[in-house]
Amino acid sequence: MVRRDNLIRRPKHNVGLNRGVQITDHLFVRVDGEYNTERTDVFFNPANKFAQEDISLDAYTLLNLYAEYQIPYFQAAVFTDIRYLLNTDFTEVYGFNTSGFALIGGIRFRF
């Protein structure tokens, strides 16, 4: 039997949901959400001769929003992608930063 309760950075519970809706013939909107429970990571403490210590990483929730508008009579679409809408402060790997709120947008052409 394989023991799986010692995996670092793996939450006991992880839930992800997404929902996309075609609002009109030209407008599409999608919402993505993710929840991760508390989990453990390993920290090599320099104050203790780099001895391995377990550390707890907090639970977090992420929310993203995507919208796309197809421009009629052109092979083009205008889109925006909002990542980390809640601007949640979270840690995936101890000692490394994660990005905060991000707004991405553009125009996509098809030839």
PDB file of N, CA and C in Angstrom:
ATOM      1  N   MET A   1       0.845  -1.181   0.000  1.00  0.00           N
ATOM      2  CA  MET A   1       0.000   0.000   0.000  1.00  0.00           C
ATOM      3  C   MET A   1       0.890   1.243   0.000  1.00  0.00           C
ATOM      4  N   VAL A   2       0.572   2.195  -0.850  1.00  0.00           N
ATOM      5  CA  VAL A   2       1.337   3.429  -0.973  1.00  0.00           C
ATOM      6  C   VAL A   2       0.795   4.463   0.005  1.00  0.00           C
ATOM      7  N   ARG A   3       1.692   5.074   0.768  1.00  0.00           N
ATOM      8  CA  ARG A   3       1.298   6.104   1.719  1.00  0.00           C
ATOM      9  C   ARG A   3       1.384   7.463   1.036  1.00  0.00           C
ATOM     10  N   ARG A   4       0.283   8.217   1.014  1.00  0.00           N
ATOM     11  CA  ARG A   4       0.235   9.471   0.272  1.00  0.00           C
ATOM     12  C   ARG A   4       0.052  10.702   1.164  1.00  0.00           C
ATOM     13  N   ASP A   5       0.153  10.565   2.476  1.00  0.00           N
ATOM     14  CA  ASP A   5      -0.071  11.714   3.343  1.00  0.00           C
ATOM     15  C   ASP A   5       1.200  12.527   3.592  1.00  0.00           C
ATOM     16  N   ASN A   6       2.299  12.195   2.915  1.00  0.00           N
ATOM     17  CA  ASN A   6       3.552  12.914   3.120  1.00  0.00           C
ATOM     18  C   ASN A   6       3.938  13.771   1.904  1.00  0.00           C
ATOM     19  N   LEU A   7       3.030  14.023   1.019  1.00  0.00           N
ATOM     20  CA  LEU A   7       3.326  14.819  -0.164  1.00  0.00           C
ATOM     21  C   LEU A   7       3.309  16.305   0.202  1.00  0.00           C
ATOM     22  N   ILE A   8       4.443  16.977  -0.002  1.00  0.00           N
ATOM     23  CA  ILE A   8       4.499  18.393   0.337  1.00  0.00           C
ATOM     24  C   ILE A   8       3.778  19.209  -0.727  1.00  0.00           C
ATOM     25  N   ARG A   9       3.279  20.368  -0.297  1.00  0.00           N
ATOM     26  CA  ARG A   9       2.584  21.321  -1.169  1.00  0.00           C
ATOM     27  C   ARG A   9       1.290  20.779  -1.778  1.00  0.00           C
ATOM     28  N   ARG A  10       0.859  19.629  -1.386  1.00  0.00           N
ATOM     29  CA  ARG A  10      -0.388  19.055  -1.904  1.00  0.00           C
ATOM     30  C   ARG A  10      -1.470  19.217  -0.850  1.00  0.00           C
ATOM     31  N   PRO A  11      -2.489  20.034  -1.131  1.00  0.00           N
ATOM     32  CA  PRO A  11      -3.556  20.201  -0.143  1.00  0.00           C
ATOM     33  C   PRO A  11      -4.383  18.929  -0.019  1.00  0.00           C
ATOM     34  N   LYS A  12      -4.953  18.747   1.147  1.00  0.00           N
ATOM     35  CA  LYS A  12      -5.829  17.596   1.337  1.00  0.00           C
ATOM     36  C   LYS A  12      -7.076  17.737   0.462  1.00  0.00           C
ATOM     37  N   HIS A  13      -7.551  18.984   0.328  1.00  0.00           N
ATOM     38  CA  HIS A  13      -8.726  19.250  -0.496  1.00  0.00           C
ATOM     39  C   HIS A  13      -8.426  20.399  -1.453  1.00  0.00           C
ATOM     40  N   ASN A  14      -8.832  20.212  -2.707  1.00  0.00           N
ATOM     41  CA  ASN A  14      -8.667  21.217  -3.749  1.00  0.00           C
ATOM     42  C   ASN A  14      -9.936  21.198  -4.588  1.00  0.00           C
ATOM     43  N   VAL A  15     -10.560  22.368  -4.743  1.00  0.00           N
ATOM     44  CA  VAL A  15     -11.798  22.452  -5.510  1.00  0.00           C
ATOM     45  C   VAL A  15     -11.631  23.519  -6.580  1.00  0.00           C
ATOM     46  N   GLY A  16     -11.983  23.185  -7.795  1.00  0.00           N
ATOM     47  CA  GLY A  16     -11.945  24.143  -8.888  1.00  0.00           C
ATOM     48  C   GLY A  16     -13.268  24.137  -9.631  1.00  0.00           C
ATOM     49  N   LEU A  17     -13.756  25.317  -9.934  1.00  0.00           N
ATOM     50  CA  LEU A  17     -15.010  25.443 -10.674  1.00  0.00           C
ATOM     51  C   LEU A  17     -14.818  26.458 -11.785  1.00  0.00           C
ATOM     52  N   ASN A  18     -15.464  26.228 -12.911  1.00  0.00           N
ATOM     53  CA  ASN A  18     -15.484  27.239 -13.960  1.00  0.00           C
ATOM     54  C   ASN A  18     -16.828  27.187 -14.668  1.00  0.00           C
ATOM     55  N   ARG A  19     -17.203  28.342 -15.153  1.00  0.00           N
ATOM     56  CA  ARG A  19     -18.472  28.449 -15.860  1.00  0.00           C
ATOM     57  C   ARG A  19     -18.316  29.460 -16.984  1.00  0.00           C
ATOM     58  N   GLY A  20     -18.598  29.035 -18.190  1.00  0.00           N
ATOM     59  CA  GLY A  20     -18.560  29.907 -19.349  1.00  0.00           C
ATOM     60  C   GLY A  20     -19.949  30.066 -19.926  1.00  0.00           C
ATOM     61  N   VAL A  21     -20.303  31.299 -20.312  1.00  0.00           N
ATOM     62  CA  VAL A  21     -21.622  31.573 -20.838  1.00  0.00           C
ATOM     63  C   VAL A  21     -21.492  32.414 -22.106  1.00  0.00           C
ATOM     64  N   GLN A  22     -22.157  31.978 -23.167  1.00  0.00           N
ATOM     65  CA  GLN A  22     -22.256  32.753 -24.401  1.00  0.00           C
ATOM     66  C   GLN A  22     -23.446  33.683 -24.219  1.00  0.00           C
ATOM     67  N   ILE A  23     -23.185  34.922 -23.801  1.00  0.00           N
ATOM     68  CA  ILE A  23     -24.252  35.859 -23.453  1.00  0.00           C
ATOM     69  C   ILE A  23     -25.029  36.314 -24.685  1.00  0.00           C
ATOM     70  N   THR A  24     -24.312  36.675 -25.737  1.00  0.00           N
ATOM     71  CA  THR A  24     -24.940  37.020 -27.016  1.00  0.00           C
ATOM     72  C   THR A  24     -24.195  36.244 -28.100  1.00  0.00           C
ATOM     73  N   ASP A  25     -24.570  36.464 -29.358  1.00  0.00           N
ATOM     74  CA  ASP A  25     -23.851  35.806 -30.451  1.00  0.00           C
ATOM     75  C   ASP A  25     -22.374  36.216 -30.499  1.00  0.00           C
ATOM     76  N   HIS A  26     -22.070  37.375 -29.932  1.00  0.00           N
ATOM     77  CA  HIS A  26     -20.713  37.910 -30.035  1.00  0.00           C
ATOM     78  C   HIS A  26     -19.960  37.986 -28.710  1.00  0.00           C
ATOM     79  N   LEU A  27     -20.648  37.851 -27.573  1.00  0.00           N
ATOM     80  CA  LEU A  27     -20.029  38.050 -26.260  1.00  0.00           C
ATOM     81  C   LEU A  27     -19.990  36.753 -25.458  1.00  0.00           C
ATOM     82  N   PHE A  28     -18.785  36.377 -25.034  1.00  0.00           N
ATOM     83  CA  PHE A  28     -18.566  35.187 -24.207  1.00  0.00           C
ATOM     84  C   PHE A  28     -17.895  35.620 -22.908  1.00  0.00           C
ATOM     85  N   VAL A  29     -18.354  35.080 -21.778  1.00  0.00           N
ATOM     86  CA  VAL A  29     -17.776  35.388 -20.468  1.00  0.00           C
ATOM     87  C   VAL A  29     -17.546  34.081 -19.714  1.00  0.00           C
ATOM     88  N   ARG A  30     -16.388  33.992 -19.031  1.00  0.00           N
ATOM     89  CA  ARG A  30     -16.052  32.797 -18.234  1.00  0.00           C
ATOM     90  C   ARG A  30     -15.524  33.230 -16.872  1.00  0.00           C
ATOM     91  N   VAL A  31     -15.940  32.525 -15.831  1.00  0.00           N
ATOM     92  CA  VAL A  31     -15.449  32.743 -14.478  1.00  0.00           C
ATOM     93  C   VAL A  31     -14.814  31.442 -14.006  1.00  0.00           C
ATOM     94  N   ASP A  32     -13.594  31.544 -13.448  1.00  0.00           N
ATOM     95  CA  ASP A  32     -12.886  30.384 -12.898  1.00  0.00           C
ATOM     96  C   ASP A  32     -12.607  30.645 -11.425  1.00  0.00           C
ATOM     97  N   GLY A  33     -12.800  29.623 -10.612  1.00  0.00           N
ATOM     98  CA  GLY A  33     -12.491  29.730  -9.193  1.00  0.00           C
ATOM     99  C   GLY A  33     -11.728  28.514  -8.730  1.00  0.00           C
ATOM    100  N   GLU A  34     -10.877  28.705  -7.725  1.00  0.00           N
ATOM    101  CA  GLU A  34     -10.086  27.600  -7.179  1.00  0.00           C
ATOM    102  C   GLU A  34      -9.901  27.809  -5.684  1.00  0.00           C
ATOM    103  N   TYR A  35     -10.068  26.744  -4.914  1.00  0.00           N
ATOM    104  CA  TYR A  35      -9.844  26.780  -3.471  1.00  0.00           C
ATOM    105  C   TYR A  35      -8.885  25.661  -3.097  1.00  0.00           C
ATOM    106  N   ASN A  36      -7.857  25.987  -2.333  1.00  0.00           N
ATOM    107  CA  ASN A  36      -6.887  25.017  -1.839  1.00  0.00           C
ATOM    108  C   ASN A  36      -6.839  25.112  -0.320  1.00  0.00           C
ATOM    109  N   THR A  37      -6.921  23.964   0.349  1.00  0.00           N
ATOM    110  CA  THR A  37      -6.848  23.970   1.803  1.00  0.00           C
ATOM    111  C   THR A  37      -5.403  24.129   2.262  1.00  0.00           C
ATOM    112  N   GLU A  38      -5.238  24.257   3.560  1.00  0.00           N
ATOM    113  CA  GLU A  38      -3.914  24.368   4.165  1.00  0.00           C
ATOM    114  C   GLU A  38      -3.078  23.138   3.807  1.00  0.00           C
ATOM    115  N   ARG A  39      -1.774  23.347   3.659  1.00  0.00           N
ATOM    116  CA  ARG A  39      -0.882  22.232   3.326  1.00  0.00           C
ATOM    117  C   ARG A  39       0.496  22.508   3.898  1.00  0.00           C
ATOM    118  N   THR A  40       1.388  21.542   3.804  1.00  0.00           N
ATOM    119  CA  THR A  40       2.735  21.691   4.368  1.00  0.00           C
ATOM    120  C   THR A  40       3.771  21.854   3.267  1.00  0.00           C
ATOM    121  N   ASP A  41       4.878  22.469   3.632  1.00  0.00           N
ATOM    122  CA  ASP A  41       6.033  22.622   2.756  1.00  0.00           C
ATOM    123  C   ASP A  41       7.270  22.382   3.612  1.00  0.00           C
ATOM    124  N   VAL A  42       8.411  22.347   2.976  1.00  0.00           N
ATOM    125  CA  VAL A  42       9.667  22.112   3.676  1.00  0.00           C
ATOM    126  C   VAL A  42      10.494  23.389   3.633  1.00  0.00           C
ATOM    127  N   PHE A  43      11.092  23.743   4.779  1.00  0.00           N
ATOM    128  CA  PHE A  43      11.940  24.917   4.906  1.00  0.00           C
ATOM    129  C   PHE A  43      13.289  24.465   5.445  1.00  0.00           C
ATOM    130  N   PHE A  44      14.352  24.850   4.761  1.00  0.00           N
ATOM    131  CA  PHE A  44      15.697  24.512   5.207  1.00  0.00           C
ATOM    132  C   PHE A  44      16.242  25.713   5.963  1.00  0.00           C
ATOM    133  N   ASN A  45      16.187  25.645   7.291  1.00  0.00           N
ATOM    134  CA  ASN A  45      16.469  26.772   8.164  1.00  0.00           C
ATOM    135  C   ASN A  45      17.971  27.055   8.258  1.00  0.00           C
ATOM    136  N   PRO A  46      18.434  28.213   7.725  1.00  0.00           N
ATOM    137  CA  PRO A  46      19.862  28.527   7.805  1.00  0.00           C
ATOM    138  C   PRO A  46      20.332  28.798   9.229  1.00  0.00           C
ATOM    139  N   ALA A  47      19.422  29.181  10.119  1.00  0.00           N
ATOM    140  CA  ALA A  47      19.782  29.425  11.511  1.00  0.00           C
ATOM    141  C   ALA A  47      20.004  28.126  12.278  1.00  0.00           C
ATOM    142  N   ASN A  48      19.603  27.019  11.688  1.00  0.00           N
ATOM    143  CA  ASN A  48      19.728  25.715  12.340  1.00  0.00           C
ATOM    144  C   ASN A  48      20.511  24.754  11.447  1.00  0.00           C
ATOM    145  N   LYS A  49      21.607  25.242  10.848  1.00  0.00           N
ATOM    146  CA  LYS A  49      22.470  24.447   9.959  1.00  0.00           C
ATOM    147  C   LYS A  49      21.690  23.832   8.807  1.00  0.00           C
ATOM    148  N   PHE A  50      20.725  24.586   8.284  1.00  0.00           N
ATOM    149  CA  PHE A  50      19.886  24.180   7.147  1.00  0.00           C
ATOM    150  C   PHE A  50      19.135  22.873   7.401  1.00  0.00           C
ATOM    151  N   ALA A  51      18.760  22.680   8.657  1.00  0.00           N
ATOM    152  CA  ALA A  51      17.955  21.506   9.006  1.00  0.00           C
ATOM    153  C   ALA A  51      16.570  21.650   8.388  1.00  0.00           C
ATOM    154  N   GLN A  52      16.024  20.542   7.959  1.00  0.00           N
ATOM    155  CA  GLN A  52      14.701  20.533   7.332  1.00  0.00           C
ATOM    156  C   GLN A  52      13.622  20.715   8.387  1.00  0.00           C
ATOM    157  N   GLU A  53      12.744  21.695   8.151  1.00  0.00           N
ATOM    158  CA  GLU A  53      11.625  21.945   9.054  1.00  0.00           C
ATOM    159  C   GLU A  53      10.337  21.999   8.238  1.00  0.00           C
ATOM    160  N   ASP A  54       9.283  21.419   8.784  1.00  0.00           N
ATOM    161  CA  ASP A  54       7.974  21.510   8.141  1.00  0.00           C
ATOM    162  C   ASP A  54       7.371  22.864   8.464  1.00  0.00           C
ATOM    163  N   ILE A  55       6.693  23.439   7.475  1.00  0.00           N
ATOM    164  CA  ILE A  55       6.028  24.726   7.648  1.00  0.00           C
ATOM    165  C   ILE A  55       4.639  24.619   7.029  1.00  0.00           C
ATOM    166  N   SER A  56       3.689  25.305   7.621  1.00  0.00           N
ATOM    167  CA  SER A  56       2.313  25.251   7.140  1.00  0.00           C
ATOM    168  C   SER A  56       2.046  26.415   6.189  1.00  0.00           C
ATOM    169  N   LEU A  57       1.450  26.114   5.042  1.00  0.00           N
ATOM    170  CA  LEU A  57       1.042  27.132   4.074  1.00  0.00           C
ATOM    171  C   LEU A  57      -0.468  27.325   4.197  1.00  0.00           C
ATOM    172  N   ASP A  58      -0.902  28.567   4.244  1.00  0.00           N
ATOM    173  CA  ASP A  58      -2.317  28.888   4.448  1.00  0.00           C
ATOM    174  C   ASP A  58      -3.180  28.468   3.264  1.00  0.00           C
ATOM    175  N   ALA A  59      -4.450  28.251   3.547  1.00  0.00           N
ATOM    176  CA  ALA A  59      -5.444  27.993   2.500  1.00  0.00           C
ATOM    177  C   ALA A  59      -5.679  29.277   1.711  1.00  0.00           C
ATOM    178  N   TYR A  60      -6.116  29.138   0.459  1.00  0.00           N
ATOM    179  CA  TYR A  60      -6.387  30.325  -0.352  1.00  0.00           C
ATOM    180  C   TYR A  60      -7.451  30.047  -1.400  1.00  0.00           C
ATOM    181  N   THR A  61      -8.066  31.147  -1.868  1.00  0.00           N
ATOM    182  CA  THR A  61      -9.079  31.097  -2.912  1.00  0.00           C
ATOM    183  C   THR A  61      -8.669  32.042  -4.035  1.00  0.00           C
ATOM    184  N   LEU A  62      -8.769  31.579  -5.276  1.00  0.00           N
ATOM    185  CA  LEU A  62      -8.448  32.392  -6.448  1.00  0.00           C
ATOM    186  C   LEU A  62      -9.700  32.545  -7.313  1.00  0.00           C
ATOM    187  N   LEU A  63      -9.832  33.702  -7.936  1.00  0.00           N
ATOM    188  CA  LEU A  63     -10.962  33.963  -8.826  1.00  0.00           C
ATOM    189  C   LEU A  63     -10.455  34.685 -10.064  1.00  0.00           C
ATOM    190  N   ASN A  64     -10.815  34.178 -11.247  1.00  0.00           N
ATOM    191  CA  ASN A  64     -10.398  34.753 -12.527  1.00  0.00           C
ATOM    192  C   ASN A  64     -11.633  35.033 -13.381  1.00  0.00           C
ATOM    193  N   LEU A  65     -11.524  36.044 -14.253  1.00  0.00           N
ATOM    194  CA  LEU A  65     -12.624  36.425 -15.126  1.00  0.00           C
ATOM    195  C   LEU A  65     -12.080  36.651 -16.535  1.00  0.00           C
ATOM    196  N   TYR A  66     -12.754  36.073 -17.520  1.00  0.00           N
ATOM    197  CA  TYR A  66     -12.352  36.216 -18.921  1.00  0.00           C
ATOM    198  C   TYR A  66     -13.570  36.651 -19.727  1.00  0.00           C
ATOM    199  N   ALA A  67     -13.382  37.607 -20.628  1.00  0.00           N
ATOM    200  CA  ALA A  67     -14.466  38.041 -21.517  1.00  0.00           C
ATOM    201  C   ALA A  67     -13.906  38.230 -22.923  1.00  0.00           C
ATOM    202  N   GLU A  68     -14.714  37.863 -23.907  1.00  0.00           N
ATOM    203  CA  GLU A  68     -14.304  37.993 -25.311  1.00  0.00           C
ATOM    204  C   GLU A  68     -15.490  38.466 -26.139  1.00  0.00           C
ATOM    205  N   TYR A  69     -15.232  39.466 -27.001  1.00  0.00           N
ATOM    206  CA  TYR A  69     -16.259  39.992 -27.890  1.00  0.00           C
ATOM    207  C   TYR A  69     -15.809  39.802 -29.326  1.00  0.00           C
ATOM    208  N   GLN A  70     -16.586  39.042 -30.106  1.00  0.00           N
ATOM    209  CA  GLN A  70     -16.305  38.824 -31.524  1.00  0.00           C
ATOM    210  C   GLN A  70     -16.813  40.024 -32.307  1.00  0.00           C
ATOM    211  N   ILE A  71     -15.946  40.658 -33.066  1.00  0.00           N
ATOM    212  CA  ILE A  71     -16.339  41.828 -33.860  1.00  0.00           C
ATOM    213  C   ILE A  71     -17.041  41.351 -35.133  1.00  0.00           C
ATOM    214  N   PRO A  72     -18.300  41.743 -35.314  1.00  0.00           N
ATOM    215  CA  PRO A  72     -19.040  41.299 -36.497  1.00  0.00           C
ATOM    216  C   PRO A  72     -18.386  41.770 -37.801  1.00  0.00           C
ATOM    217  N   TYR A  73     -18.460  40.938 -38.815  1.00  0.00           N
ATOM    218  CA  TYR A  73     -17.959  41.225 -40.173  1.00  0.00           C
ATOM    219  C   TYR A  73     -16.436  41.286 -40.270  1.00  0.00           C
ATOM    220  N   PHE A  74     -15.732  41.027 -39.198  1.00  0.00           N
ATOM    221  CA  PHE A  74     -14.273  40.960 -39.220  1.00  0.00           C
ATOM    222  C   PHE A  74     -13.858  39.628 -38.600  1.00  0.00           C
ATOM    223  N   GLN A  75     -12.699  39.171 -38.950  1.00  0.00           N
ATOM    224  CA  GLN A  75     -12.158  37.967 -38.321  1.00  0.00           C
ATOM    225  C   GLN A  75     -11.312  38.404 -37.129  1.00  0.00           C
ATOM    226  N   ALA A  76     -11.956  39.049 -36.152  1.00  0.00           N
ATOM    227  CA  ALA A  76     -11.230  39.583 -35.006  1.00  0.00           C
ATOM    228  C   ALA A  76     -12.074  39.467 -33.744  1.00  0.00           C
ATOM    229  N   ALA A  77     -11.381  39.483 -32.617  1.00  0.00           N
ATOM    230  CA  ALA A  77     -12.041  39.466 -31.317  1.00  0.00           C
ATOM    231  C   ALA A  77     -11.243  40.323 -30.348  1.00  0.00           C
ATOM    232  N   VAL A  78     -11.940  41.027 -29.492  1.00  0.00           N
ATOM    233  CA  VAL A  78     -11.328  41.790 -28.409  1.00  0.00           C
ATOM    234  C   VAL A  78     -11.541  40.972 -27.139  1.00  0.00           C
ATOM    235  N   PHE A  79     -10.480  40.815 -26.335  1.00  0.00           N
ATOM    236  CA  PHE A  79     -10.607  40.008 -25.128  1.00  0.00           C
ATOM    237  C   PHE A  79      -9.920  40.667 -23.947  1.00  0.00           C
ATOM    238  N   THR A  80     -10.342  40.282 -22.758  1.00  0.00           N
ATOM    239  CA  THR A  80      -9.678  40.674 -21.523  1.00  0.00           C
ATOM    240  C   THR A  80      -9.675  39.482 -20.579  1.00  0.00           C
ATOM    241  N   ASP A  81      -8.604  39.347 -19.840  1.00  0.00           N
ATOM    242  CA  ASP A  81      -8.433  38.254 -18.890  1.00  0.00           C
ATOM    243  C   ASP A  81      -7.968  38.868 -17.577  1.00  0.00           C
ATOM    244  N   ILE A  82      -8.794  38.784 -16.554  1.00  0.00           N
ATOM    245  CA  ILE A  82      -8.436  39.317 -15.239  1.00  0.00           C
ATOM    246  C   ILE A  82      -8.069  38.130 -14.356  1.00  0.00           C
ATOM    247  N   ARG A  83      -6.815  38.094 -13.951  1.00  0.00           N
ATOM    248  CA  ARG A  83      -6.303  36.998 -13.124  1.00  0.00           C
ATOM    249  C   ARG A  83      -6.194  37.464 -11.685  1.00  0.00           C
ATOM    250  N   TYR A  84      -6.493  36.579 -10.748  1.00  0.00           N
ATOM    251  CA  TYR A  84      -6.414  36.865  -9.309  1.00  0.00           C
ATOM    252  C   TYR A  84      -7.260  38.093  -8.966  1.00  0.00           C
ATOM    253  N   LEU A  85      -8.516  38.048  -9.356  1.00  0.00           N
ATOM    254  CA  LEU A  85      -9.451  39.152  -9.202  1.00  0.00           C
ATOM    255  C   LEU A  85      -9.553  39.630  -7.750  1.00  0.00           C
ATOM    256  N   LEU A  86      -9.435  38.725  -6.796  1.00  0.00           N
ATOM    257  CA  LEU A  86      -9.543  39.082  -5.381  1.00  0.00           C
ATOM    258  C   LEU A  86      -8.238  39.613  -4.809  1.00  0.00           C
ATOM    259  N   ASN A  87      -7.174  39.616  -5.631  1.00  0.00           N
ATOM    260  CA  ASN A  87      -5.843  40.046  -5.205  1.00  0.00           C
ATOM    261  C   ASN A  87      -5.408  39.314  -3.932  1.00  0.00           C
ATOM    262  N   THR A  88      -5.659  38.019  -3.892  1.00  0.00           N
ATOM    263  CA  THR A  88      -5.353  37.180  -2.748  1.00  0.00           C
ATOM    264  C   THR A  88      -3.846  37.041  -2.563  1.00  0.00           C
ATOM    265  N   ASP A  89      -3.398  37.175  -1.331  1.00  0.00           N
ATOM    266  CA  ASP A  89      -1.997  36.964  -0.993  1.00  0.00           C
ATOM    267  C   ASP A  89      -1.850  35.485  -0.622  1.00  0.00           C
ATOM    268  N   PHE A  90      -1.191  34.708  -1.473  1.00  0.00           N
ATOM    269  CA  PHE A  90      -1.080  33.277  -1.228  1.00  0.00           C
ATOM    270  C   PHE A  90       0.336  32.794  -1.539  1.00  0.00           C
ATOM    271  N   THR A  91       0.662  31.603  -1.039  1.00  0.00           N
ATOM    272  CA  THR A  91       1.984  31.007  -1.234  1.00  0.00           C
ATOM    273  C   THR A  91       1.813  29.594  -1.766  1.00  0.00           C
ATOM    274  N   GLU A  92       2.422  29.317  -2.913  1.00  0.00           N
ATOM    275  CA  GLU A  92       2.422  27.956  -3.452  1.00  0.00           C
ATOM    276  C   GLU A  92       3.677  27.208  -3.020  1.00  0.00           C
ATOM    277  N   VAL A  93       4.817  27.910  -2.975  1.00  0.00           N
ATOM    278  CA  VAL A  93       6.090  27.344  -2.547  1.00  0.00           C
ATOM    279  C   VAL A  93       6.692  28.307  -1.536  1.00  0.00           C
ATOM    280  N   TYR A  94       7.020  27.810  -0.336  1.00  0.00           N
ATOM    281  CA  TYR A  94       7.544  28.673   0.719  1.00  0.00           C
ATOM    282  C   TYR A  94       8.819  29.381   0.262  1.00  0.00           C
ATOM    283  N   GLY A  95       8.865  30.695   0.470  1.00  0.00           N
ATOM    284  CA  GLY A  95      10.035  31.486   0.118  1.00  0.00           C
ATOM    285  C   GLY A  95       9.976  32.111  -1.261  1.00  0.00           C
ATOM    286  N   PHE A  96       8.931  31.817  -2.041  1.00  0.00           N
ATOM    287  CA  PHE A  96       8.796  32.370  -3.387  1.00  0.00           C
ATOM    288  C   PHE A  96       7.515  33.181  -3.476  1.00  0.00           C
ATOM    289  N   ASN A  97       7.585  34.315  -4.148  1.00  0.00           N
ATOM    290  CA  ASN A  97       6.414  35.175  -4.326  1.00  0.00           C
ATOM    291  C   ASN A  97       5.495  34.621  -5.405  1.00  0.00           C
ATOM    292  N   THR A  98       4.242  35.026  -5.326  1.00  0.00           N
ATOM    293  CA  THR A  98       3.281  34.732  -6.388  1.00  0.00           C
ATOM    294  C   THR A  98       2.761  36.055  -6.919  1.00  0.00           C
ATOM    295  N   SER A  99       2.309  36.039  -8.138  1.00  0.00           N
ATOM    296  CA  SER A  99       1.840  37.286  -8.736  1.00  0.00           C
ATOM    297  C   SER A  99       0.504  37.699  -8.119  1.00  0.00           C
ATOM    298  N   GLY A 100       0.252  38.970  -8.133  1.00  0.00           N
ATOM    299  CA  GLY A 100      -1.014  39.494  -7.638  1.00  0.00           C
ATOM    300  C   GLY A 100      -1.962  39.749  -8.791  1.00  0.00           C
ATOM    301  N   PHE A 101      -2.870  40.669  -8.595  1.00  0.00           N
ATOM    302  CA  PHE A 101      -3.869  41.033  -9.591  1.00  0.00           C
ATOM    303  C   PHE A 101      -3.196  41.333 -10.933  1.00  0.00           C
ATOM    304  N   ALA A 102      -3.743  40.788 -12.010  1.00  0.00           N
ATOM    305  CA  ALA A 102      -3.188  41.020 -13.345  1.00  0.00           C
ATOM    306  C   ALA A 102      -4.329  41.228 -14.336  1.00  0.00           C
ATOM    307  N   LEU A 103      -4.162  42.211 -15.195  1.00  0.00           N
ATOM    308  CA  LEU A 103      -5.139  42.505 -16.241  1.00  0.00           C
ATOM    309  C   LEU A 103      -4.447  42.331 -17.586  1.00  0.00           C
ATOM    310  N   ILE A 104      -4.985  41.440 -18.398  1.00  0.00           N
ATOM    311  CA  ILE A 104      -4.421  41.141 -19.713  1.00  0.00           C
ATOM    312  C   ILE A 104      -5.518  41.405 -20.735  1.00  0.00           C
ATOM    313  N   GLY A 105      -5.164  42.016 -21.830  1.00  0.00           N
ATOM    314  CA  GLY A 105      -6.161  42.291 -22.855  1.00  0.00           C
ATOM    315  C   GLY A 105      -5.524  42.345 -24.228  1.00  0.00           C
ATOM    316  N   GLY A 106      -6.339  42.253 -25.249  1.00  0.00           N
ATOM    317  CA  GLY A 106      -5.782  42.332 -26.587  1.00  0.00           C
ATOM    318  C   GLY A 106      -6.824  42.139 -27.671  1.00  0.00           C
ATOM    319  N   ILE A 107      -6.324  42.114 -28.871  1.00  0.00           N
ATOM    320  CA  ILE A 107      -7.150  41.874 -30.066  1.00  0.00           C
ATOM    321  C   ILE A 107      -6.564  40.688 -30.782  1.00  0.00           C
ATOM    322  N   ARG A 108      -7.403  39.754 -31.155  1.00  0.00           N
ATOM    323  CA  ARG A 108      -6.962  38.555 -31.873  1.00  0.00           C
ATOM    324  C   ARG A 108      -7.540  38.609 -33.285  1.00  0.00           C
ATOM    325  N   PHE A 109      -6.666  38.481 -34.270  1.00  0.00           N
ATOM    326  CA  PHE A 109      -7.079  38.457 -35.677  1.00  0.00           C
ATOM    327  C   PHE A 109      -6.944  37.049 -36.223  1.00  0.00           C
ATOM    328  N   ARG A 110      -7.850  36.663 -37.086  1.00  0.00           N
ATOM    329  CA  ARG A 110      -7.777  35.370 -37.765  1.00  0.00           C
ATOM    330  C   ARG A 110      -7.690  35.603 -39.256  1.00  0.00           C
ATOM    331  N   PHE A 111      -6.762  34.913 -39.883  1.00  0.00           N
ATOM    332  CA  PHE A 111      -6.562  35.066 -41.318  1.00  0.00           C
ATOM    333  C   PHE A 111      -6.921  33.797 -42.034  1.00  0.00           C
TER     334      PHE A 111
END
